[in-house]
Every structure is written in structure tokens, then in C-alpha cells.
N, C-alpha and C. Protein backbone atom coordinates (compact mmCIF):
# COMPACT_ATOMS: atom_id res chain seq x y z
N MET A 1 96.09 294.30 177.26
CA MET A 1 95.72 293.27 177.39
C MET A 1 94.58 293.38 178.30
N VAL A 2 93.14 293.34 178.08
CA VAL A 2 92.38 293.10 178.50
C VAL A 2 92.08 292.08 179.90
N ARG A 3 91.77 292.48 181.17
CA ARG A 3 91.90 291.25 182.19
C ARG A 3 90.18 291.15 182.45
N GLY A 4 89.70 290.71 181.54
CA GLY A 4 87.95 289.78 181.58
C GLY A 4 88.14 288.29 181.82
N PRO A 5 87.66 288.27 182.15
CA PRO A 5 87.16 287.14 182.88
C PRO A 5 88.08 285.57 181.96
N ASP A 6 87.84 285.53 180.72
CA ASP A 6 88.58 284.95 179.99
C ASP A 6 90.30 284.54 180.41
N MET A 7 90.96 285.80 180.04
CA MET A 7 91.62 286.10 180.09
C MET A 7 92.42 285.93 181.56
N MET A 8 91.51 285.87 182.73
CA MET A 8 92.36 285.33 184.49
C MET A 8 92.06 284.19 184.05
N ALA A 9 91.14 283.36 183.96
CA ALA A 9 91.07 282.15 183.84
C ALA A 9 92.41 281.34 183.30
N LEU A 10 92.81 281.79 182.02
CA LEU A 10 93.94 281.25 181.08
C LEU A 10 95.47 281.96 182.16
N ALA A 11 95.38 282.74 183.11
CA ALA A 11 96.03 283.52 184.20
C ALA A 11 96.47 282.30 185.08
N ARG A 12 95.37 282.06 185.08
CA ARG A 12 95.14 280.58 186.66
C ARG A 12 95.81 279.04 186.45
N ALA A 13 95.59 278.97 184.75
CA ALA A 13 95.76 277.66 184.25
C ALA A 13 97.13 277.98 184.10
N ARG A 14 97.44 278.95 183.37
CA ARG A 14 99.09 278.98 183.27
C ARG A 14 100.05 279.37 183.91
N GLY A 15 99.33 280.22 184.62
CA GLY A 15 100.57 280.83 185.38
C GLY A 15 101.46 280.59 186.38
N GLY A 16 101.24 279.36 186.88
CA GLY A 16 102.19 278.38 187.84
C GLY A 16 103.31 277.65 186.90
N ASP A 17 103.12 276.80 186.21
CA ASP A 17 103.85 276.46 184.79
C ASP A 17 104.72 277.79 184.31
N VAL A 18 104.13 278.78 184.12
CA VAL A 18 105.57 279.62 183.37
C VAL A 18 105.89 280.46 184.16
N LEU A 19 105.62 280.06 185.25
CA LEU A 19 106.31 280.81 186.71
C LEU A 19 107.63 279.83 186.87
N ARG A 20 107.10 278.33 187.28
CA ARG A 20 108.22 277.07 187.04
C ARG A 20 108.92 277.43 186.20
N GLN A 21 108.94 277.85 184.88
CA GLN A 21 109.67 277.64 183.49
C GLN A 21 110.64 278.56 183.77
N THR A 22 110.11 279.79 184.09
CA THR A 22 110.92 281.00 184.52
C THR A 22 111.92 280.55 185.74
N LEU A 23 111.49 280.49 186.90
CA LEU A 23 112.63 279.55 187.79
C LEU A 23 113.20 278.70 187.54
N ALA A 24 113.08 277.67 186.54
CA ALA A 24 114.36 276.89 186.63
C ALA A 24 115.25 277.38 185.05
N GLU A 25 115.25 278.68 184.79
CA GLU A 25 116.20 279.02 183.44
C GLU A 25 117.25 279.54 184.53
N ARG A 26 118.65 279.57 183.92
CA ARG A 26 120.11 280.12 184.30
C ARG A 26 119.84 279.45 185.78
N PRO A 27 120.41 278.37 185.85
CA PRO A 27 120.42 278.14 187.55
C PRO A 27 121.83 278.42 188.01
N ASP A 28 122.84 278.77 186.48
CA ASP A 28 124.19 279.07 187.69
C ASP A 28 123.79 280.66 188.13
N GLU A 29 122.80 281.27 188.06
CA GLU A 29 123.03 282.40 188.91
C GLU A 29 122.38 282.49 190.15
N TYR A 30 121.68 281.21 190.88
CA TYR A 30 120.92 280.43 191.75
C TYR A 30 121.99 280.48 192.60
N LEU A 31 122.86 279.62 192.01
CA LEU A 31 123.88 279.23 192.22
C LEU A 31 124.73 279.94 192.62
N ALA A 32 125.10 280.71 192.43
CA ALA A 32 126.25 281.96 192.71
C ALA A 32 125.94 282.47 193.70
N ALA A 33 124.16 282.85 194.25
CA ALA A 33 123.82 283.84 194.80
C ALA A 33 123.10 282.81 196.72
N ARG A 34 122.91 281.70 195.97
CA ARG A 34 122.29 281.10 197.23
C ARG A 34 123.09 280.82 198.54
N GLY A 35 124.55 280.75 198.18
CA GLY A 35 125.20 280.62 199.87
C GLY A 35 124.63 279.62 200.22
N ASN A 36 124.59 279.29 201.75
CA ASN A 36 124.23 277.59 202.03
C ASN A 36 123.11 277.30 202.20
N ASP A 37 122.02 277.87 201.50
CA ASP A 37 120.66 277.52 201.42
C ASP A 37 120.97 275.96 200.83
N PRO A 38 120.88 275.13 201.48
CA PRO A 38 119.79 273.64 201.36
C PRO A 38 119.52 273.16 199.28
N ALA A 39 118.52 274.41 198.79
CA ALA A 39 118.44 273.91 197.59
C ALA A 39 118.56 273.68 197.00
N LYS A 40 118.70 273.01 196.55
CA LYS A 40 119.40 273.08 195.10
C LYS A 40 119.43 274.18 193.74
N THR A 41 118.01 274.13 193.96
CA THR A 41 117.42 274.95 192.27
C THR A 41 116.36 276.56 193.18
N LEU A 42 116.88 277.35 192.46
CA LEU A 42 115.78 278.67 192.29
C LEU A 42 114.17 278.13 192.77
N LEU A 43 113.98 277.28 191.33
CA LEU A 43 112.75 276.12 191.50
C LEU A 43 112.53 275.52 193.04
N ASP A 44 113.10 275.21 193.86
CA ASP A 44 113.77 274.17 195.06
C ASP A 44 112.96 275.66 196.00
N PHE A 45 113.55 276.28 195.72
CA PHE A 45 113.79 276.64 197.06
C PHE A 45 111.97 277.77 197.45
N VAL A 46 111.73 278.51 195.86
CA VAL A 46 110.73 278.86 195.55
C VAL A 46 109.60 278.20 196.33
N GLU A 47 109.41 276.80 195.79
CA GLU A 47 108.67 275.65 196.15
C GLU A 47 108.72 275.50 198.15
N ASN A 48 109.95 275.42 198.19
CA ASN A 48 110.07 275.14 199.85
C ASN A 48 109.40 276.05 201.04
N ASN A 49 109.70 277.46 200.27
CA ASN A 49 109.68 278.60 201.04
C ASN A 49 108.33 279.48 200.73
N ARG A 50 107.95 279.57 199.28
CA ARG A 50 106.90 280.43 199.43
C ARG A 50 105.93 279.54 197.73
N PRO A 51 105.72 278.27 198.31
CA PRO A 51 104.57 277.62 197.56
C PRO A 51 103.37 278.04 197.00
N GLU A 52 102.82 279.24 198.09
CA GLU A 52 101.30 279.87 197.64
C GLU A 52 101.94 280.51 196.26
N ILE A 53 102.58 281.05 195.77
CA ILE A 53 103.56 282.01 194.79
C ILE A 53 102.83 281.88 193.40
N PHE A 54 102.76 280.15 193.61
CA PHE A 54 102.37 279.11 192.25
C PHE A 54 100.31 279.72 191.72
N THR A 55 100.08 279.75 192.64
CA THR A 55 98.54 279.90 193.04
C THR A 55 98.12 281.49 192.52
N ILE A 56 97.49 281.74 191.74
CA ILE A 56 96.83 283.37 191.94
C ILE A 56 95.39 283.15 192.95
N SER A 57 95.43 283.75 193.83
CA SER A 57 94.30 283.93 194.65
C SER A 57 92.88 284.42 193.37
N ARG A 58 91.71 283.99 193.73
CA ARG A 58 90.67 284.05 193.47
C ARG A 58 89.87 285.38 194.45
N ARG A 59 90.63 286.12 195.46
CA ARG A 59 90.16 286.69 196.16
C ARG A 59 91.43 288.15 195.95
N VAL A 60 91.59 288.38 194.63
CA VAL A 60 92.20 289.40 194.37
C VAL A 60 91.20 290.38 193.97
N SER A 61 91.36 291.92 193.97
CA SER A 61 90.19 292.14 193.89
C SER A 61 91.16 293.98 193.06
N CYS A 62 89.77 294.33 192.06
CA CYS A 62 90.63 295.17 191.20
C CYS A 62 89.23 296.14 191.62
N GLN A 63 89.78 297.28 191.10
CA GLN A 63 89.72 298.28 191.00
C GLN A 63 89.49 299.59 189.76
N ILE A 64 88.33 299.76 189.62
CA ILE A 64 87.90 300.91 188.00
C ILE A 64 87.55 301.85 188.58
N SER A 65 88.86 302.72 188.62
CA SER A 65 87.95 304.92 188.88
C SER A 65 87.23 305.37 187.58
């Protein structure tokens, strides 16, 4: 996959939604590992503790060697 401007725009547009869908899969695994954390799902945990993960920064730089 070439990381050109069009592909980066697509990743920015859809990345957060794809991540949310993935985090919502298999809730039983999160429930078994969460311990005493009050978040009901892994998605809730990430949204409460690391909401920035859903946004791909425009400041990411690439180096071509």
C-alpha cells in the first residue's frame, strides 16, 4: 500500500471508526481481564483514558531514505 495523500486522507477519515469497531469485538476478553476497572467495555476504557488514539495526527512525519 502506498502512503500517498489519498491513502492518508482515507486513513484519517475512517481510522477512528475502524478502531472503535475492533475494540468492540469480543467483549468477553476484556471482561475477563479488566479487574476492578469501572469501564464496561474496552472501547469505553480507551475512550475514557486515551481518546486521542482515535485521531491520526497531521504532524506525523515520514522519512524516506
